[in-house]
Amino acid sequence: MNMENGLEDEQRRHIARELHDSAGQTLAVLAMNLGTLAREATVRAPDLAKRAEASEELVHQYTMKFVRRRTSYILPCSTRAVLNKHEQNHVQSGLHD
């Protein structure tokens, strides 16, 4: 039974890592591109810049709320506890998004 739990935990870690890496990287690139678009459009197309900024914020919110939380639900409880503590320290340090 213990070996089965270990295998399940490893599978959960693998799925969580893949989800975090693939979706997280894609969303990070999207957010960077939207930020660049917003900065470059500020002078020439202010309305476009505002929409790009709003879209960038939505990407950040989605990344924070969905990818990170869904990933943590997949992880084993012990790993989840460590990540929650890490996120709390990150927020307290003022380095969060």
PDB file of N, CA and C in Angstrom:
ATOM      1  N   MET A   1       0.826  -1.196   0.000  1.00  0.00           N
ATOM      2  CA  MET A   1       0.000   0.000   0.000  1.00  0.00           C
ATOM      3  C   MET A   1       0.867   1.255   0.000  1.00  0.00           C
ATOM      4  N   ASN A   2       1.927   1.278   0.768  1.00  0.00           N
ATOM      5  CA  ASN A   2       2.826   2.419   0.842  1.00  0.00           C
ATOM      6  C   ASN A   2       3.494   2.698  -0.500  1.00  0.00           C
ATOM      7  N   MET A   3       3.862   1.637  -1.209  1.00  0.00           N
ATOM      8  CA  MET A   3       4.484   1.784  -2.522  1.00  0.00           C
ATOM      9  C   MET A   3       3.502   2.400  -3.518  1.00  0.00           C
ATOM     10  N   GLU A   4       2.221   1.993  -3.416  1.00  0.00           N
ATOM     11  CA  GLU A   4       1.195   2.554  -4.295  1.00  0.00           C
ATOM     12  C   GLU A   4       1.032   4.052  -4.045  1.00  0.00           C
ATOM     13  N   ASN A   5       1.042   4.457  -2.775  1.00  0.00           N
ATOM     14  CA  ASN A   5       0.939   5.873  -2.447  1.00  0.00           C
ATOM     15  C   ASN A   5       2.126   6.652  -2.994  1.00  0.00           C
ATOM     16  N   GLY A   6       3.293   6.059  -2.904  1.00  0.00           N
ATOM     17  CA  GLY A   6       4.490   6.708  -3.441  1.00  0.00           C
ATOM     18  C   GLY A   6       4.402   6.890  -4.945  1.00  0.00           C
ATOM     19  N   LEU A   7       3.895   5.869  -5.642  1.00  0.00           N
ATOM     20  CA  LEU A   7       3.730   5.972  -7.093  1.00  0.00           C
ATOM     21  C   LEU A   7       2.686   7.025  -7.453  1.00  0.00           C
ATOM     22  N   GLU A   8       1.596   7.066  -6.708  1.00  0.00           N
ATOM     23  CA  GLU A   8       0.566   8.074  -6.955  1.00  0.00           C
ATOM     24  C   GLU A   8       1.116   9.476  -6.717  1.00  0.00           C
ATOM     25  N   ASP A   9       1.874   9.632  -5.641  1.00  0.00           N
ATOM     26  CA  ASP A   9       2.472  10.936  -5.353  1.00  0.00           C
ATOM     27  C   ASP A   9       3.408  11.361  -6.482  1.00  0.00           C
ATOM     28  N   GLU A  10       4.201  10.439  -6.971  1.00  0.00           N
ATOM     29  CA  GLU A  10       5.127  10.752  -8.057  1.00  0.00           C
ATOM     30  C   GLU A  10       4.369  11.125  -9.322  1.00  0.00           C
ATOM     31  N   GLN A  11       3.299  10.409  -9.619  1.00  0.00           N
ATOM     32  CA  GLN A  11       2.483  10.736 -10.790  1.00  0.00           C
ATOM     33  C   GLN A  11       1.851  12.116 -10.646  1.00  0.00           C
ATOM     34  N   ARG A  12       1.380  12.422  -9.459  1.00  0.00           N
ATOM     35  CA  ARG A  12       0.788  13.744  -9.210  1.00  0.00           C
ATOM     36  C   ARG A  12       1.827  14.847  -9.393  1.00  0.00           C
ATOM     37  N   ARG A  13       3.014  14.636  -8.868  1.00  0.00           N
ATOM     38  CA  ARG A  13       4.080  15.629  -9.030  1.00  0.00           C
ATOM     39  C   ARG A  13       4.400  15.847 -10.506  1.00  0.00           C
ATOM     40  N   HIS A  14       4.462  14.746 -11.245  1.00  0.00           N
ATOM     41  CA  HIS A  14       4.776  14.825 -12.673  1.00  0.00           C
ATOM     42  C   HIS A  14       3.703  15.608 -13.433  1.00  0.00           C
ATOM     43  N   ILE A  15       2.443  15.314 -13.175  1.00  0.00           N
ATOM     44  CA  ILE A  15       1.343  16.022 -13.838  1.00  0.00           C
ATOM     45  C   ILE A  15       1.347  17.500 -13.447  1.00  0.00           C
ATOM     46  N   ALA A  16       1.528  17.772 -12.177  1.00  0.00           N
ATOM     47  CA  ALA A  16       1.552  19.156 -11.709  1.00  0.00           C
ATOM     48  C   ALA A  16       2.707  19.927 -12.349  1.00  0.00           C
ATOM     49  N   ARG A  17       3.868  19.301 -12.432  1.00  0.00           N
ATOM     50  CA  ARG A  17       5.037  19.944 -13.034  1.00  0.00           C
ATOM     51  C   ARG A  17       4.782  20.250 -14.510  1.00  0.00           C
ATOM     52  N   GLU A  18       4.219  19.279 -15.230  1.00  0.00           N
ATOM     53  CA  GLU A  18       3.929  19.491 -16.653  1.00  0.00           C
ATOM     54  C   GLU A  18       2.921  20.611 -16.852  1.00  0.00           C
ATOM     55  N   LEU A  19       1.858  20.611 -16.053  1.00  0.00           N
ATOM     56  CA  LEU A  19       0.848  21.660 -16.151  1.00  0.00           C
ATOM     57  C   LEU A  19       1.459  23.017 -15.855  1.00  0.00           C
ATOM     58  N   HIS A  20       2.186  23.103 -14.764  1.00  0.00           N
ATOM     59  CA  HIS A  20       2.796  24.367 -14.374  1.00  0.00           C
ATOM     60  C   HIS A  20       3.770  24.859 -15.433  1.00  0.00           C
ATOM     61  N   ASP A  21       4.621  23.965 -15.908  1.00  0.00           N
ATOM     62  CA  ASP A  21       5.643  24.364 -16.881  1.00  0.00           C
ATOM     63  C   ASP A  21       5.034  24.781 -18.216  1.00  0.00           C
ATOM     64  N   SER A  22       4.148  23.973 -18.762  1.00  0.00           N
ATOM     65  CA  SER A  22       3.623  24.277 -20.092  1.00  0.00           C
ATOM     66  C   SER A  22       2.682  25.479 -20.065  1.00  0.00           C
ATOM     67  N   ALA A  23       1.705  25.453 -19.200  1.00  0.00           N
ATOM     68  CA  ALA A  23       0.752  26.566 -19.145  1.00  0.00           C
ATOM     69  C   ALA A  23       1.415  27.818 -18.589  1.00  0.00           C
ATOM     70  N   GLY A  24       2.217  27.652 -17.575  1.00  0.00           N
ATOM     71  CA  GLY A  24       2.883  28.804 -16.966  1.00  0.00           C
ATOM     72  C   GLY A  24       3.801  29.530 -17.926  1.00  0.00           C
ATOM     73  N   GLN A  25       4.591  28.792 -18.681  1.00  0.00           N
ATOM     74  CA  GLN A  25       5.505  29.419 -19.637  1.00  0.00           C
ATOM     75  C   GLN A  25       4.741  30.116 -20.755  1.00  0.00           C
ATOM     76  N   THR A  26       3.715  29.475 -21.254  1.00  0.00           N
ATOM     77  CA  THR A  26       2.919  30.070 -22.326  1.00  0.00           C
ATOM     78  C   THR A  26       2.260  31.364 -21.853  1.00  0.00           C
ATOM     79  N   LEU A  27       1.682  31.328 -20.674  1.00  0.00           N
ATOM     80  CA  LEU A  27       1.030  32.522 -20.143  1.00  0.00           C
ATOM     81  C   LEU A  27       2.033  33.626 -19.814  1.00  0.00           C
ATOM     82  N   ALA A  28       3.220  33.262 -19.365  1.00  0.00           N
ATOM     83  CA  ALA A  28       4.252  34.265 -19.084  1.00  0.00           C
ATOM     84  C   ALA A  28       4.666  34.979 -20.364  1.00  0.00           C
ATOM     85  N   VAL A  29       4.847  34.249 -21.436  1.00  0.00           N
ATOM     86  CA  VAL A  29       5.207  34.860 -22.721  1.00  0.00           C
ATOM     87  C   VAL A  29       4.079  35.760 -23.215  1.00  0.00           C
ATOM     88  N   LEU A  30       2.853  35.290 -23.094  1.00  0.00           N
ATOM     89  CA  LEU A  30       1.702  36.088 -23.499  1.00  0.00           C
ATOM     90  C   LEU A  30       1.654  37.400 -22.715  1.00  0.00           C
ATOM     91  N   ALA A  31       1.852  37.324 -21.406  1.00  0.00           N
ATOM     92  CA  ALA A  31       1.833  38.529 -20.576  1.00  0.00           C
ATOM     93  C   ALA A  31       2.954  39.490 -20.965  1.00  0.00           C
ATOM     94  N   MET A  32       4.146  38.958 -21.226  1.00  0.00           N
ATOM     95  CA  MET A  32       5.260  39.824 -21.639  1.00  0.00           C
ATOM     96  C   MET A  32       4.958  40.509 -22.964  1.00  0.00           C
ATOM     97  N   ASN A  33       4.397  39.758 -23.904  1.00  0.00           N
ATOM     98  CA  ASN A  33       4.057  40.341 -25.202  1.00  0.00           C
ATOM     99  C   ASN A  33       2.985  41.423 -25.072  1.00  0.00           C
ATOM    100  N   LEU A  34       1.998  41.174 -24.231  1.00  0.00           N
ATOM    101  CA  LEU A  34       0.958  42.176 -24.011  1.00  0.00           C
ATOM    102  C   LEU A  34       1.526  43.424 -23.335  1.00  0.00           C
ATOM    103  N   GLY A  35       2.450  43.224 -22.406  1.00  0.00           N
ATOM    104  CA  GLY A  35       3.095  44.367 -21.756  1.00  0.00           C
ATOM    105  C   GLY A  35       3.889  45.197 -22.743  1.00  0.00           C
ATOM    106  N   THR A  36       4.607  44.532 -23.623  1.00  0.00           N
ATOM    107  CA  THR A  36       5.375  45.229 -24.657  1.00  0.00           C
ATOM    108  C   THR A  36       4.433  45.986 -25.592  1.00  0.00           C
ATOM    109  N   LEU A  37       3.369  45.335 -26.012  1.00  0.00           N
ATOM    110  CA  LEU A  37       2.379  45.976 -26.874  1.00  0.00           C
ATOM    111  C   LEU A  37       1.791  47.207 -26.197  1.00  0.00           C
ATOM    112  N   ALA A  38       1.452  47.086 -24.924  1.00  0.00           N
ATOM    113  CA  ALA A  38       0.871  48.216 -24.188  1.00  0.00           C
ATOM    114  C   ALA A  38       1.843  49.388 -24.120  1.00  0.00           C
ATOM    115  N   ARG A  39       3.105  49.122 -23.827  1.00  0.00           N
ATOM    116  CA  ARG A  39       4.098  50.199 -23.750  1.00  0.00           C
ATOM    117  C   ARG A  39       4.306  50.872 -25.102  1.00  0.00           C
ATOM    118  N   GLU A  40       4.402  50.067 -26.153  1.00  0.00           N
ATOM    119  CA  GLU A  40       4.644  50.621 -27.482  1.00  0.00           C
ATOM    120  C   GLU A  40       3.421  51.350 -28.035  1.00  0.00           C
ATOM    121  N   ALA A  41       2.233  50.961 -27.625  1.00  0.00           N
ATOM    122  CA  ALA A  41       1.015  51.568 -28.150  1.00  0.00           C
ATOM    123  C   ALA A  41       0.570  52.792 -27.355  1.00  0.00           C
ATOM    124  N   THR A  42       1.190  53.058 -26.225  1.00  0.00           N
ATOM    125  CA  THR A  42       0.750  54.138 -25.350  1.00  0.00           C
ATOM    126  C   THR A  42       0.643  55.468 -26.092  1.00  0.00           C
ATOM    127  N   VAL A  43       1.620  55.809 -26.898  1.00  0.00           N
ATOM    128  CA  VAL A  43       1.628  57.093 -27.601  1.00  0.00           C
ATOM    129  C   VAL A  43       0.757  57.047 -28.851  1.00  0.00           C
ATOM    130  N   ARG A  44       0.899  55.999 -29.628  1.00  0.00           N
ATOM    131  CA  ARG A  44       0.222  55.926 -30.927  1.00  0.00           C
ATOM    132  C   ARG A  44      -1.245  55.514 -30.844  1.00  0.00           C
ATOM    133  N   ALA A  45      -1.555  54.630 -29.911  1.00  0.00           N
ATOM    134  CA  ALA A  45      -2.922  54.097 -29.815  1.00  0.00           C
ATOM    135  C   ALA A  45      -3.275  53.857 -28.350  1.00  0.00           C
ATOM    136  N   PRO A  46      -3.591  54.922 -27.621  1.00  0.00           N
ATOM    137  CA  PRO A  46      -3.872  54.787 -26.188  1.00  0.00           C
ATOM    138  C   PRO A  46      -4.983  53.786 -25.853  1.00  0.00           C
ATOM    139  N   ASP A  47      -6.025  53.738 -26.690  1.00  0.00           N
ATOM    140  CA  ASP A  47      -7.107  52.783 -26.426  1.00  0.00           C
ATOM    141  C   ASP A  47      -6.603  51.347 -26.527  1.00  0.00           C
ATOM    142  N   LEU A  48      -5.784  51.086 -27.531  1.00  0.00           N
ATOM    143  CA  LEU A  48      -5.192  49.762 -27.701  1.00  0.00           C
ATOM    144  C   LEU A  48      -4.282  49.433 -26.512  1.00  0.00           C
ATOM    145  N   ALA A  49      -3.532  50.426 -26.061  1.00  0.00           N
ATOM    146  CA  ALA A  49      -2.642  50.219 -24.915  1.00  0.00           C
ATOM    147  C   ALA A  49      -3.441  49.835 -23.677  1.00  0.00           C
ATOM    148  N   LYS A  50      -4.571  50.500 -23.463  1.00  0.00           N
ATOM    149  CA  LYS A  50      -5.404  50.180 -22.294  1.00  0.00           C
ATOM    150  C   LYS A  50      -5.954  48.760 -22.377  1.00  0.00           C
ATOM    151  N   ARG A  51      -6.373  48.361 -23.574  1.00  0.00           N
ATOM    152  CA  ARG A  51      -6.890  46.997 -23.734  1.00  0.00           C
ATOM    153  C   ARG A  51      -5.775  45.962 -23.542  1.00  0.00           C
ATOM    154  N   ALA A  52      -4.590  46.279 -24.035  1.00  0.00           N
ATOM    155  CA  ALA A  52      -3.461  45.356 -23.848  1.00  0.00           C
ATOM    156  C   ALA A  52      -3.104  45.239 -22.374  1.00  0.00           C
ATOM    157  N   GLU A  53      -3.119  46.358 -21.652  1.00  0.00           N
ATOM    158  CA  GLU A  53      -2.832  46.330 -20.214  1.00  0.00           C
ATOM    159  C   GLU A  53      -3.886  45.509 -19.463  1.00  0.00           C
ATOM    160  N   ALA A  54      -5.149  45.697 -19.833  1.00  0.00           N
ATOM    161  CA  ALA A  54      -6.224  44.931 -19.192  1.00  0.00           C
ATOM    162  C   ALA A  54      -6.067  43.436 -19.487  1.00  0.00           C
ATOM    163  N   SER A  55      -5.693  43.114 -20.706  1.00  0.00           N
ATOM    164  CA  SER A  55      -5.479  41.710 -21.073  1.00  0.00           C
ATOM    165  C   SER A  55      -4.289  41.126 -20.331  1.00  0.00           C
ATOM    166  N   GLU A  56      -3.236  41.910 -20.192  1.00  0.00           N
ATOM    167  CA  GLU A  56      -2.060  41.458 -19.447  1.00  0.00           C
ATOM    168  C   GLU A  56      -2.445  41.153 -17.997  1.00  0.00           C
ATOM    169  N   GLU A  57      -3.250  42.003 -17.404  1.00  0.00           N
ATOM    170  CA  GLU A  57      -3.694  41.790 -16.024  1.00  0.00           C
ATOM    171  C   GLU A  57      -4.531  40.518 -15.913  1.00  0.00           C
ATOM    172  N   LEU A  58      -5.395  40.277 -16.899  1.00  0.00           N
ATOM    173  CA  LEU A  58      -6.191  39.050 -16.891  1.00  0.00           C
ATOM    174  C   LEU A  58      -5.303  37.809 -16.958  1.00  0.00           C
ATOM    175  N   VAL A  59      -4.265  37.872 -17.768  1.00  0.00           N
ATOM    176  CA  VAL A  59      -3.334  36.743 -17.868  1.00  0.00           C
ATOM    177  C   VAL A  59      -2.667  36.503 -16.518  1.00  0.00           C
ATOM    178  N   HIS A  60      -2.223  37.583 -15.857  1.00  0.00           N
ATOM    179  CA  HIS A  60      -1.596  37.433 -14.541  1.00  0.00           C
ATOM    180  C   HIS A  60      -2.576  36.832 -13.532  1.00  0.00           C
ATOM    181  N   GLN A  61      -3.800  37.327 -13.544  1.00  0.00           N
ATOM    182  CA  GLN A  61      -4.800  36.799 -12.615  1.00  0.00           C
ATOM    183  C   GLN A  61      -5.074  35.328 -12.893  1.00  0.00           C
ATOM    184  N   TYR A  62      -5.213  34.992 -14.153  1.00  0.00           N
ATOM    185  CA  TYR A  62      -5.470  33.603 -14.518  1.00  0.00           C
ATOM    186  C   TYR A  62      -4.319  32.714 -14.071  1.00  0.00           C
ATOM    187  N   THR A  63      -3.112  33.176 -14.326  1.00  0.00           N
ATOM    188  CA  THR A  63      -1.937  32.396 -13.946  1.00  0.00           C
ATOM    189  C   THR A  63      -1.914  32.176 -12.444  1.00  0.00           C
ATOM    190  N   MET A  64      -2.121  33.228 -11.704  1.00  0.00           N
ATOM    191  CA  MET A  64      -2.084  33.122 -10.249  1.00  0.00           C
ATOM    192  C   MET A  64      -3.210  32.235  -9.721  1.00  0.00           C
ATOM    193  N   LYS A  65      -4.411  32.484 -10.176  1.00  0.00           N
ATOM    194  CA  LYS A  65      -5.565  31.804  -9.598  1.00  0.00           C
ATOM    195  C   LYS A  65      -5.763  30.389 -10.110  1.00  0.00           C
ATOM    196  N   PHE A  66      -5.555  30.189 -11.387  1.00  0.00           N
ATOM    197  CA  PHE A  66      -5.872  28.888 -11.946  1.00  0.00           C
ATOM    198  C   PHE A  66      -4.680  27.949 -11.968  1.00  0.00           C
ATOM    199  N   VAL A  67      -3.644  28.307 -12.691  1.00  0.00           N
ATOM    200  CA  VAL A  67      -2.524  27.386 -12.870  1.00  0.00           C
ATOM    201  C   VAL A  67      -1.877  27.032 -11.543  1.00  0.00           C
ATOM    202  N   ARG A  68      -1.555  28.008 -10.738  1.00  0.00           N
ATOM    203  CA  ARG A  68      -0.890  27.713  -9.466  1.00  0.00           C
ATOM    204  C   ARG A  68      -1.776  26.928  -8.527  1.00  0.00           C
ATOM    205  N   ARG A  69      -3.019  27.326  -8.414  1.00  0.00           N
ATOM    206  CA  ARG A  69      -3.902  26.622  -7.478  1.00  0.00           C
ATOM    207  C   ARG A  69      -4.255  25.228  -7.973  1.00  0.00           C
ATOM    208  N   ARG A  70      -4.546  25.090  -9.245  1.00  0.00           N
ATOM    209  CA  ARG A  70      -4.880  23.773  -9.778  1.00  0.00           C
ATOM    210  C   ARG A  70      -3.682  22.838  -9.677  1.00  0.00           C
ATOM    211  N   THR A  71      -2.520  23.380  -9.926  1.00  0.00           N
ATOM    212  CA  THR A  71      -1.313  22.579  -9.785  1.00  0.00           C
ATOM    213  C   THR A  71      -1.164  22.112  -8.347  1.00  0.00           C
ATOM    214  N   SER A  72      -1.423  22.991  -7.408  1.00  0.00           N
ATOM    215  CA  SER A  72      -1.256  22.609  -6.005  1.00  0.00           C
ATOM    216  C   SER A  72      -2.278  21.564  -5.580  1.00  0.00           C
ATOM    217  N   TYR A  73      -3.458  21.552  -6.188  1.00  0.00           N
ATOM    218  CA  TYR A  73      -4.455  20.537  -5.846  1.00  0.00           C
ATOM    219  C   TYR A  73      -3.988  19.142  -6.259  1.00  0.00           C
ATOM    220  N   ILE A  74      -3.206  19.077  -7.298  1.00  0.00           N
ATOM    221  CA  ILE A  74      -2.735  17.794  -7.806  1.00  0.00           C
ATOM    222  C   ILE A  74      -1.606  17.251  -6.938  1.00  0.00           C
ATOM    223  N   LEU A  75      -0.831  18.152  -6.360  1.00  0.00           N
ATOM    224  CA  LEU A  75       0.343  17.742  -5.597  1.00  0.00           C
ATOM    225  C   LEU A  75      -0.037  17.013  -4.316  1.00  0.00           C
ATOM    226  N   PRO A  76       0.844  16.136  -3.850  1.00  0.00           N
ATOM    227  CA  PRO A  76       0.627  15.488  -2.554  1.00  0.00           C
ATOM    228  C   PRO A  76       0.594  16.529  -1.437  1.00  0.00           C
ATOM    229  N   CYS A  77      -0.061  16.218  -0.342  1.00  0.00           N
ATOM    230  CA  CYS A  77      -0.225  17.174   0.761  1.00  0.00           C
ATOM    231  C   CYS A  77       1.096  17.719   1.283  1.00  0.00           C
ATOM    232  N   SER A  78       2.111  16.890   1.420  1.00  0.00           N
ATOM    233  CA  SER A  78       3.391  17.346   1.964  1.00  0.00           C
ATOM    234  C   SER A  78       4.038  18.376   1.046  1.00  0.00           C
ATOM    235  N   THR A  79       3.983  18.142  -0.243  1.00  0.00           N
ATOM    236  CA  THR A  79       4.553  19.093  -1.203  1.00  0.00           C
ATOM    237  C   THR A  79       3.735  20.366  -1.222  1.00  0.00           C
ATOM    238  N   ARG A  80       2.422  20.251  -1.150  1.00  0.00           N
ATOM    239  CA  ARG A  80       1.536  21.407  -1.146  1.00  0.00           C
ATOM    240  C   ARG A  80       1.846  22.316   0.036  1.00  0.00           C
ATOM    241  N   ALA A  81       2.098  21.737   1.206  1.00  0.00           N
ATOM    242  CA  ALA A  81       2.409  22.520   2.402  1.00  0.00           C
ATOM    243  C   ALA A  81       3.688  23.318   2.212  1.00  0.00           C
ATOM    244  N   VAL A  82       4.690  22.710   1.626  1.00  0.00           N
ATOM    245  CA  VAL A  82       5.954  23.403   1.370  1.00  0.00           C
ATOM    246  C   VAL A  82       5.737  24.556   0.398  1.00  0.00           C
ATOM    247  N   LEU A  83       4.988  24.333  -0.675  1.00  0.00           N
ATOM    248  CA  LEU A  83       4.742  25.379  -1.661  1.00  0.00           C
ATOM    249  C   LEU A  83       3.910  26.518  -1.088  1.00  0.00           C
ATOM    250  N   ASN A  84       2.939  26.192  -0.248  1.00  0.00           N
ATOM    251  CA  ASN A  84       2.138  27.241   0.385  1.00  0.00           C
ATOM    252  C   ASN A  84       3.004  28.129   1.267  1.00  0.00           C
ATOM    253  N   LYS A  85       3.903  27.525   2.013  1.00  0.00           N
ATOM    254  CA  LYS A  85       4.812  28.294   2.863  1.00  0.00           C
ATOM    255  C   LYS A  85       5.720  29.173   1.999  1.00  0.00           C
ATOM    256  N   HIS A  86       6.216  28.623   0.899  1.00  0.00           N
ATOM    257  CA  HIS A  86       7.064  29.385  -0.018  1.00  0.00           C
ATOM    258  C   HIS A  86       6.298  30.581  -0.590  1.00  0.00           C
ATOM    259  N   GLU A  87       5.042  30.365  -0.982  1.00  0.00           N
ATOM    260  CA  GLU A  87       4.239  31.456  -1.547  1.00  0.00           C
ATOM    261  C   GLU A  87       3.982  32.532  -0.499  1.00  0.00           C
ATOM    262  N   GLN A  88       3.718  32.152   0.743  1.00  0.00           N
ATOM    263  CA  GLN A  88       3.515  33.125   1.811  1.00  0.00           C
ATOM    264  C   GLN A  88       4.761  33.983   1.998  1.00  0.00           C
ATOM    265  N   ASN A  89       5.933  33.344   2.006  1.00  0.00           N
ATOM    266  CA  ASN A  89       7.187  34.086   2.145  1.00  0.00           C
ATOM    267  C   ASN A  89       7.394  35.028   0.972  1.00  0.00           C
ATOM    268  N   HIS A  90       7.036  34.563  -0.227  1.00  0.00           N
ATOM    269  CA  HIS A  90       7.170  35.360  -1.450  1.00  0.00           C
ATOM    270  C   HIS A  90       6.300  36.612  -1.364  1.00  0.00           C
ATOM    271  N   VAL A  91       5.056  36.450  -0.924  1.00  0.00           N
ATOM    272  CA  VAL A  91       4.128  37.574  -0.801  1.00  0.00           C
ATOM    273  C   VAL A  91       4.606  38.544   0.278  1.00  0.00           C
ATOM    274  N   GLN A  92       5.048  38.017   1.411  1.00  0.00           N
ATOM    275  CA  GLN A  92       5.518  38.854   2.502  1.00  0.00           C
ATOM    276  C   GLN A  92       6.752  39.654   2.133  1.00  0.00           C
ATOM    277  N   SER A  93       7.574  39.110   1.233  1.00  0.00           N
ATOM    278  CA  SER A  93       8.797  39.796   0.836  1.00  0.00           C
ATOM    279  C   SER A  93       8.521  40.938  -0.140  1.00  0.00           C
ATOM    280  N   GLY A  94       7.286  40.991  -0.660  1.00  0.00           N
ATOM    281  CA  GLY A  94       6.939  42.042  -1.610  1.00  0.00           C
ATOM    282  C   GLY A  94       7.363  41.746  -3.027  1.00  0.00           C
ATOM    283  N   LEU A  95       7.766  40.497  -3.306  1.00  0.00           N
ATOM    284  CA  LEU A  95       8.239  40.130  -4.637  1.00  0.00           C
ATOM    285  C   LEU A  95       7.158  39.536  -5.511  1.00  0.00           C
ATOM    286  N   HIS A  96       5.937  39.454  -5.015  1.00  0.00           N
ATOM    287  CA  HIS A  96       4.881  38.818  -5.795  1.00  0.00           C
ATOM    288  C   HIS A  96       4.435  39.710  -6.939  1.00  0.00           C
ATOM    289  N   ASP A  97       3.694  39.096  -7.887  1.00  0.00           N
ATOM    290  CA  ASP A  97       3.214  39.811  -9.071  1.00  0.00           C
ATOM    291  C   ASP A  97       2.104  40.768  -8.727  1.00  0.00           C
TER     292      ASP A  97
END
